Amino acid sequence: MGKITQIKISGFRRLRDITLKMRDLMVMIGANGVGKTSILDALSLISASAAGSMSRRLSEMSGIGEVLTRDYSGNLILRVEMEVPRYEPLEYEIQLEPKGQTYGISYEALSQNHGQKEPFKHIDSHYDKIHYFNTDTGKIVKPSWEHNAMESSLSQVPKMFKEPEELRKVLSSASQFHVLDVGQRAPVKLPQQMAPTDTPGENGENLAPFLYNLREGPHKDRYEAIEDTLKATFPGFEELNFPPVAAGMLSMTWKEKSFKKSIYIHQLSEGTLRFLWLISLLQSPTLPTITMIDEPEVSLHPELLSVLADLMREASGRTQLIVATHSDRLVRFLKPEEVLVLDMDDNGYSSVRWGDELNLEKWLSEYTLDEVWRLGRMGGRS
């Protein structure tokens, strides 16, 4: 499977013009409003471009006018590069131009350099002049179908070579997870439909069937890893159970050694519920190629963050994991090469630097990484 190696974002909120080398685990730190969530949102927009849902995603962001960098007259530019095993790297770029209350796609290209002077263009579009390489005819052609001008050609070209198809699959599968809703009527607390599912769900709406299927299916070792993690972090924990509550519906209970009666999922504390959802997500055997998590530390006891850091590191071997955090304590358990520091330059735009590019060796001989951050030696504080 291919891997995203670099992203370029221009004209998106405070991300006036950044180019970022991607790594398997990328934990973003920085002050409020410096651009951490914007990087996640920009990546989700690239993903929506590949999935054919860019118009809806921009609408959720209140339109292109709300995401364009202030005092910026250029187009919104999103570019990714992907490494493809046994093939030449791919580069995909899309540019959005504001048009009143809506937008137009002013430029889109999917290219691959095969050692020629000019890269080979799988897709080459300028406004309504759309061309793509037809694998059946072996020629550059125009669309023969009704092309939706509000969606990318990447999402609409019917068939491409193996490598660009892989990029389309990688980008379209990227998933973003926000802080889990644990309100009284939150989906994670309600009975859930018994059905096959690959993850516990963006809102925990599939947590019970996911864990039940994990326990009963071919990935039982991952379920056992989840229970082992719970036993290590909650000494009184004994097991999870999944009682049926109606036809085709499951609930979940939490059994402790000290009590005869189990605790139902809606009775668990916010921190316990969020931690259970997080470790279930990170142990999912079919994580998307790119997984984005915003503020995983919310409601968690500081002692759980060491375990969380280890789980994130393990999961990053199966997905490119991108995390935004405000937690000093979580940073304590990370390595400099896993931390991306965001700051604002003199003009109020975002800048990015990897932790291992900051010459911290001398400081780390005396302090932990979170202490170095608090001392202001990494930036990302204000």
Protein backbone atom coordinates (compact mmCIF):
# COMPACT_ATOMS: atom_id res chain seq x y z
CA MET A 1 0.00 0.00 0.00
CA GLY A 2 1.23 3.50 -0.81
CA LYS A 3 2.18 6.07 1.78
CA ILE A 4 1.77 9.85 1.76
CA THR A 5 5.25 11.39 1.99
CA GLN A 6 4.56 15.11 1.71
CA ILE A 7 1.68 17.58 1.76
CA LYS A 8 1.58 21.19 0.64
CA ILE A 9 -1.21 23.51 1.80
CA SER A 10 -1.63 27.10 0.64
CA GLY A 11 -4.40 29.55 1.45
CA PHE A 12 -6.20 27.47 4.09
CA ARG A 13 -6.91 29.51 7.26
CA ARG A 14 -3.54 30.28 8.92
CA LEU A 15 -1.81 27.79 6.63
CA ARG A 16 -0.69 30.50 4.21
CA ASP A 17 1.96 28.29 2.62
CA ILE A 18 3.36 25.20 4.33
CA THR A 19 5.12 22.11 3.00
CA LEU A 20 5.26 19.21 5.41
CA LYS A 21 7.19 15.95 5.22
CA MET A 22 4.92 13.22 6.54
CA ARG A 23 5.90 10.50 9.02
CA ASP A 24 4.16 7.40 10.33
CA LEU A 25 3.35 9.07 13.67
CA MET A 26 2.83 12.82 13.72
CA VAL A 27 1.72 14.41 17.01
CA MET A 28 1.10 18.12 16.54
CA ILE A 29 1.62 20.54 19.43
CA GLY A 30 1.20 24.29 19.64
CA ALA A 31 -0.92 27.07 21.11
CA ASN A 32 -4.65 27.42 20.45
CA GLY A 33 -5.43 28.76 16.99
CA VAL A 34 -2.00 28.03 15.54
CA GLY A 35 -3.21 25.59 12.89
CA LYS A 36 -3.25 22.05 14.28
CA THR A 37 -6.92 21.41 13.54
CA SER A 38 -6.53 23.23 10.21
CA ILE A 39 -3.98 20.63 9.08
CA LEU A 40 -6.45 17.87 9.98
CA ASP A 41 -9.27 19.69 8.17
CA ALA A 42 -7.14 20.34 5.08
CA LEU A 43 -6.27 16.65 4.93
CA SER A 44 -9.95 15.76 5.33
CA LEU A 45 -10.69 18.07 2.37
CA ILE A 46 -8.07 16.29 0.24
CA SER A 47 -9.68 13.01 1.27
CA ALA A 48 -13.12 14.34 0.32
CA SER A 49 -11.70 15.36 -3.06
CA ALA A 50 -10.77 11.73 -3.74
CA ALA A 51 -14.05 10.40 -2.36
CA GLY A 52 -16.33 12.67 -4.41
CA SER A 53 -17.64 14.56 -1.38
CA MET A 54 -15.64 17.78 -1.56
CA SER A 55 -18.71 19.98 -2.00
CA ARG A 56 -20.32 18.52 1.12
CA ARG A 57 -17.10 18.79 3.16
CA LEU A 58 -16.63 22.45 2.20
CA SER A 59 -20.26 23.09 3.10
CA GLU A 60 -19.62 21.58 6.54
CA MET A 61 -16.77 24.09 6.86
CA SER A 62 -19.25 26.92 5.98
CA GLY A 63 -17.92 27.36 2.46
CA ILE A 64 -14.65 28.29 0.82
CA GLY A 65 -14.91 31.90 2.00
CA GLU A 66 -14.61 30.72 5.61
CA VAL A 67 -11.49 28.64 5.07
CA LEU A 68 -9.45 30.91 2.81
CA THR A 69 -6.52 32.66 4.48
CA ARG A 70 -7.41 36.23 5.46
CA ASP A 71 -5.94 38.95 3.23
CA TYR A 72 -5.05 36.27 0.69
CA SER A 73 -5.84 36.76 -2.98
CA GLY A 74 -4.69 33.40 -4.33
CA ASN A 75 -6.40 30.05 -4.80
CA LEU A 76 -6.70 27.36 -2.17
CA ILE A 77 -4.01 24.83 -3.12
CA LEU A 78 -3.77 21.28 -1.79
CA ARG A 79 -0.98 18.98 -2.95
CA VAL A 80 0.11 15.52 -1.83
CA GLU A 81 2.94 13.25 -2.84
CA MET A 82 2.66 9.50 -2.40
CA GLU A 83 5.31 6.82 -2.42
CA VAL A 84 4.14 3.72 -4.30
CA PRO A 85 6.04 0.43 -3.80
CA ARG A 86 7.80 -0.70 -7.00
CA TYR A 87 6.58 2.36 -8.94
CA GLU A 88 7.49 6.01 -9.36
CA PRO A 89 6.00 8.44 -6.78
CA LEU A 90 2.70 10.16 -7.55
CA GLU A 91 1.84 13.83 -7.11
CA TYR A 92 -1.72 15.09 -6.88
CA GLU A 93 -2.69 18.76 -6.80
CA ILE A 94 -6.03 20.52 -6.76
CA GLN A 95 -6.68 24.27 -6.73
CA LEU A 96 -9.99 25.81 -5.72
CA GLU A 97 -10.92 29.31 -6.83
CA PRO A 98 -13.61 31.28 -4.95
CA LYS A 99 -16.59 32.26 -7.10
CA GLY A 100 -18.98 34.41 -5.11
CA GLN A 101 -20.46 32.15 -2.44
CA THR A 102 -19.21 28.99 -4.11
CA TYR A 103 -16.02 27.76 -5.82
CA GLY A 104 -14.57 26.39 -9.01
CA ILE A 105 -11.78 23.90 -9.64
CA SER A 106 -9.25 26.01 -11.50
CA TYR A 107 -6.55 23.33 -11.76
CA GLU A 108 -6.21 19.63 -11.03
CA ALA A 109 -3.40 17.27 -11.94
CA LEU A 110 -2.34 13.75 -11.08
CA SER A 111 1.16 13.14 -12.38
CA GLN A 112 3.96 10.61 -12.21
CA ASN A 113 7.55 11.01 -13.34
CA HIS A 114 8.79 8.05 -15.36
CA GLY A 115 12.23 9.52 -15.95
CA GLN A 116 11.01 11.75 -18.76
CA LYS A 117 11.50 15.49 -19.05
CA GLU A 118 7.81 16.07 -18.42
CA PRO A 119 5.90 13.96 -15.89
CA PHE A 120 3.17 11.69 -17.20
CA LYS A 121 -0.27 13.18 -16.53
CA HIS A 122 -2.97 10.73 -15.49
CA ILE A 123 -5.27 13.73 -15.02
CA ASP A 124 -4.78 17.24 -16.37
CA SER A 125 -7.62 19.71 -15.87
CA HIS A 126 -7.93 23.49 -16.19
CA TYR A 127 -11.41 24.75 -15.36
CA ASP A 128 -13.75 22.93 -17.77
CA LYS A 129 -10.91 21.68 -19.99
CA ILE A 130 -10.64 18.20 -18.50
CA HIS A 131 -8.34 15.47 -19.79
CA TYR A 132 -7.39 12.10 -18.41
CA PHE A 133 -5.54 9.03 -19.61
CA ASN A 134 -7.94 6.33 -20.71
CA THR A 135 -6.39 2.94 -19.94
CA ASP A 136 -8.65 1.16 -22.46
CA THR A 137 -7.70 3.32 -25.45
CA GLY A 138 -4.20 4.29 -24.27
CA LYS A 139 -4.94 7.93 -25.12
CA ILE A 140 -5.49 11.27 -23.39
CA VAL A 141 -9.24 11.91 -23.69
CA LYS A 142 -12.02 14.16 -22.46
CA PRO A 143 -14.79 12.81 -20.21
CA SER A 144 -17.51 10.93 -22.06
CA TRP A 145 -19.78 11.09 -19.02
CA GLU A 146 -21.58 14.02 -17.39
CA HIS A 147 -18.79 15.61 -15.34
CA ASN A 148 -19.72 17.24 -12.01
CA ALA A 149 -17.82 20.53 -11.98
CA MET A 150 -18.08 20.77 -8.17
CA GLU A 151 -16.19 17.53 -7.61
CA SER A 152 -12.67 16.49 -8.54
CA SER A 153 -11.80 14.56 -11.67
CA LEU A 154 -9.86 12.21 -9.36
CA SER A 155 -13.15 11.04 -7.87
CA GLN A 156 -14.88 10.71 -11.26
CA VAL A 157 -12.38 9.16 -13.68
CA PRO A 158 -13.78 5.63 -14.08
CA LYS A 159 -10.56 3.63 -14.37
CA MET A 160 -6.87 4.39 -13.97
CA PHE A 161 -3.60 2.50 -13.71
CA LYS A 162 -2.89 0.59 -10.52
CA GLU A 163 -0.75 3.33 -8.93
CA PRO A 164 -3.22 6.24 -9.28
CA GLU A 165 -6.04 3.94 -8.21
CA GLU A 166 -4.01 3.27 -5.09
CA LEU A 167 -3.65 6.99 -4.39
CA ARG A 168 -7.39 7.46 -4.85
CA LYS A 169 -8.04 4.63 -2.40
CA VAL A 170 -5.51 5.91 0.17
CA LEU A 171 -6.83 9.47 0.13
CA SER A 172 -10.53 8.61 0.08
CA SER A 173 -10.21 6.27 3.06
CA ALA A 174 -8.56 8.85 5.36
CA SER A 175 -10.65 9.18 8.54
CA GLN A 176 -10.83 11.99 11.09
CA PHE A 177 -11.92 11.38 14.69
CA HIS A 178 -12.85 14.19 17.06
CA VAL A 179 -13.34 14.12 20.83
CA LEU A 180 -15.86 11.38 21.60
CA ASP A 181 -19.32 12.65 22.57
CA VAL A 182 -20.20 11.14 25.96
CA GLY A 183 -23.37 13.13 26.64
CA GLN A 184 -26.42 11.48 28.12
CA ARG A 185 -27.90 10.50 24.75
CA ALA A 186 -24.59 10.00 22.93
CA PRO A 187 -24.55 7.07 20.43
CA VAL A 188 -21.80 5.31 22.41
CA LYS A 189 -24.14 5.00 25.42
CA LEU A 190 -27.15 3.61 23.56
CA PRO A 191 -27.96 0.04 22.50
CA GLN A 192 -26.27 -0.70 19.19
CA GLN A 193 -27.19 -2.71 16.10
CA MET A 194 -25.43 -6.03 15.85
CA ALA A 195 -23.70 -5.84 12.48
CA PRO A 196 -20.22 -6.29 10.95
CA THR A 197 -18.07 -3.20 11.45
CA ASP A 198 -14.39 -2.37 10.94
CA THR A 199 -14.03 0.31 13.64
CA PRO A 200 -15.86 1.40 16.81
CA GLY A 201 -17.31 4.31 14.82
CA GLU A 202 -16.60 8.02 14.66
CA ASN A 203 -19.02 8.61 17.54
CA GLY A 204 -18.65 5.22 19.21
CA GLU A 205 -21.91 4.13 17.58
CA ASN A 206 -20.41 0.71 16.75
CA LEU A 207 -18.29 0.15 19.85
CA ALA A 208 -20.25 -2.84 21.25
CA PRO A 209 -20.65 -4.79 17.96
CA PHE A 210 -17.06 -3.98 17.01
CA LEU A 211 -15.68 -5.43 20.25
CA TYR A 212 -18.05 -8.40 20.15
CA ASN A 213 -17.07 -9.26 16.56
CA LEU A 214 -13.40 -8.77 17.43
CA ARG A 215 -13.72 -11.23 20.31
CA GLU A 216 -15.55 -13.83 18.23
CA GLY A 217 -13.70 -13.39 14.92
CA PRO A 218 -10.24 -14.03 13.43
CA HIS A 219 -8.68 -11.05 15.24
CA LYS A 220 -9.30 -12.31 18.75
CA ASP A 221 -5.69 -11.44 19.64
CA ARG A 222 -6.54 -7.75 19.24
CA TYR A 223 -9.53 -8.13 21.53
CA GLU A 224 -7.29 -9.82 24.10
CA ALA A 225 -4.83 -6.92 23.76
CA ILE A 226 -7.67 -4.50 24.55
CA GLU A 227 -8.68 -6.47 27.65
CA ASP A 228 -5.03 -6.76 28.74
CA THR A 229 -4.67 -2.98 28.41
CA LEU A 230 -7.79 -2.44 30.53
CA LYS A 231 -6.52 -4.86 33.20
CA ALA A 232 -3.16 -3.06 33.30
CA THR A 233 -4.70 0.41 33.59
CA PHE A 234 -7.76 -0.40 35.74
CA PRO A 235 -6.61 -2.94 38.38
CA GLY A 236 -10.20 -3.87 39.34
CA PHE A 237 -11.30 -4.61 35.77
CA GLU A 238 -12.21 -8.23 35.00
CA GLU A 239 -13.99 -8.47 31.63
CA LEU A 240 -16.41 -6.98 29.11
CA ASN A 241 -19.71 -8.63 28.23
CA PHE A 242 -22.27 -7.96 25.51
CA PRO A 243 -25.84 -8.72 26.64
CA PRO A 244 -28.60 -8.53 24.00
CA VAL A 245 -31.24 -5.91 24.82
CA ALA A 246 -33.63 -6.40 21.88
CA ALA A 247 -33.81 -8.26 18.57
CA GLY A 248 -30.49 -7.62 16.84
CA MET A 249 -29.38 -5.06 19.45
CA LEU A 250 -26.44 -5.22 21.88
CA SER A 251 -25.36 -3.36 24.95
CA MET A 252 -22.04 -3.71 26.76
CA THR A 253 -21.16 -4.19 30.42
CA TRP A 254 -17.96 -3.70 32.40
CA LYS A 255 -17.29 -6.31 35.12
CA GLU A 256 -15.08 -5.53 38.12
CA LYS A 257 -13.70 -8.09 40.57
CA SER A 258 -15.04 -6.29 43.64
CA PHE A 259 -18.69 -6.23 42.53
CA LYS A 260 -21.18 -8.95 41.66
CA LYS A 261 -23.17 -6.72 39.33
CA SER A 262 -21.65 -5.41 36.13
CA ILE A 263 -21.61 -1.74 35.14
CA TYR A 264 -23.48 -0.86 31.95
CA ILE A 265 -21.68 1.22 29.36
CA HIS A 266 -23.78 4.33 29.99
CA GLN A 267 -22.71 4.23 33.66
CA LEU A 268 -18.97 4.41 32.95
CA SER A 269 -17.09 7.64 33.63
CA GLU A 270 -16.31 9.96 30.72
CA GLY A 271 -12.59 9.22 30.91
CA THR A 272 -13.08 5.44 31.06
CA LEU A 273 -15.48 5.50 28.11
CA ARG A 274 -13.22 7.67 25.99
CA PHE A 275 -10.18 5.53 26.80
CA LEU A 276 -12.06 2.33 25.90
CA TRP A 277 -13.12 3.88 22.58
CA LEU A 278 -9.58 5.10 21.84
CA ILE A 279 -7.83 1.81 22.50
CA SER A 280 -10.50 -0.01 20.49
CA LEU A 281 -9.93 2.38 17.60
CA LEU A 282 -6.15 1.99 17.76
CA GLN A 283 -6.44 -1.81 17.88
CA SER A 284 -8.75 -1.94 14.85
CA PRO A 285 -7.30 -4.53 12.45
CA THR A 286 -8.47 -2.58 9.38
CA LEU A 287 -7.49 1.01 10.14
CA PRO A 288 -7.58 3.37 7.15
CA THR A 289 -4.27 4.29 5.56
CA ILE A 290 -4.48 7.72 7.21
CA THR A 291 -6.04 8.15 10.66
CA MET A 292 -6.48 11.60 12.24
CA ILE A 293 -7.36 12.09 15.92
CA ASP A 294 -8.06 15.48 17.52
CA GLU A 295 -7.25 15.85 21.24
CA PRO A 296 -7.24 12.19 22.36
CA GLU A 297 -6.21 13.24 25.88
CA VAL A 298 -9.57 14.84 26.77
CA SER A 299 -10.93 13.44 30.09
CA LEU A 300 -8.06 10.97 30.46
CA HIS A 301 -6.20 10.59 33.73
CA PRO A 302 -2.51 11.56 33.24
CA GLU A 303 -1.41 8.02 34.11
CA LEU A 304 -3.25 6.69 31.03
CA LEU A 305 -1.25 8.85 28.63
CA SER A 306 1.85 6.64 28.75
CA VAL A 307 -0.27 3.69 27.61
CA LEU A 308 -1.93 5.85 24.97
CA ALA A 309 1.46 6.91 23.56
CA ASP A 310 2.56 3.26 23.25
CA LEU A 311 -0.71 2.32 21.54
CA MET A 312 -0.37 5.21 19.07
CA ARG A 313 3.18 4.14 18.26
CA GLU A 314 2.07 0.55 17.64
CA ALA A 315 -0.88 1.67 15.50
CA SER A 316 1.39 3.89 13.38
CA GLY A 317 2.91 0.71 11.99
CA ARG A 318 -0.48 0.01 10.37
CA THR A 319 -1.71 3.54 9.55
CA GLN A 320 -0.24 7.00 9.16
CA LEU A 321 -1.42 8.42 12.46
CA ILE A 322 -1.84 12.19 12.79
CA VAL A 323 -2.76 13.56 16.21
CA ALA A 324 -3.39 17.07 17.55
CA THR A 325 -2.85 17.58 21.30
CA HIS A 326 -2.54 20.24 23.99
CA SER A 327 -1.29 17.79 26.60
CA ASP A 328 2.17 18.38 28.09
CA ARG A 329 1.91 15.01 29.79
CA LEU A 330 1.30 13.12 26.55
CA VAL A 331 4.36 14.81 25.02
CA ARG A 332 6.44 13.43 27.93
CA PHE A 333 6.02 9.93 26.51
CA LEU A 334 6.88 10.82 22.90
CA LYS A 335 10.12 11.06 20.96
CA PRO A 336 11.24 14.32 19.27
CA GLU A 337 10.89 12.72 15.83
CA GLU A 338 7.22 12.03 16.60
CA VAL A 339 6.37 15.63 17.51
CA LEU A 340 5.51 18.38 15.03
CA VAL A 341 5.72 21.88 16.53
CA LEU A 342 3.40 24.58 15.15
CA ASP A 343 4.08 28.28 15.68
CA MET A 344 2.95 31.56 14.18
CA ASP A 345 5.35 33.75 12.24
CA ASP A 346 5.48 37.54 12.46
CA ASN A 347 2.60 37.84 9.99
CA GLY A 348 0.31 35.54 11.95
CA TYR A 349 0.70 32.55 9.61
CA SER A 350 1.49 29.00 10.70
CA SER A 351 4.96 27.50 10.56
CA VAL A 352 5.90 23.86 11.21
CA ARG A 353 9.05 22.12 12.46
CA TRP A 354 9.76 18.55 13.49
CA GLY A 355 11.05 18.08 17.05
CA ASP A 356 14.22 16.30 15.93
CA GLU A 357 15.15 19.31 13.79
CA LEU A 358 15.42 21.61 16.83
CA ASN A 359 18.79 20.49 18.29
CA LEU A 360 17.33 19.41 21.62
CA GLU A 361 19.96 16.82 22.57
CA LYS A 362 21.60 18.98 25.24
CA TRP A 363 18.27 19.87 26.83
CA LEU A 364 17.00 16.28 26.74
CA SER A 365 20.06 15.13 28.68
CA GLU A 366 18.63 17.02 31.68
CA TYR A 367 14.89 17.35 31.05
CA THR A 368 12.02 15.30 29.68
CA LEU A 369 10.50 16.35 26.36
CA ASP A 370 7.43 17.92 27.99
CA GLU A 371 9.67 19.94 30.32
CA VAL A 372 11.68 21.18 27.35
CA TRP A 373 8.39 22.26 25.76
CA ARG A 374 7.23 24.05 28.92
CA LEU A 375 10.60 25.82 29.14
CA GLY A 376 9.92 27.27 25.70
CA ARG A 377 12.87 25.57 24.00
CA MET A 378 10.71 23.96 21.31
CA GLY A 379 8.34 26.82 20.51
CA GLY A 380 4.65 26.06 20.18
CA ARG A 381 3.71 27.88 23.39
CA SER A 382 2.13 31.15 22.32
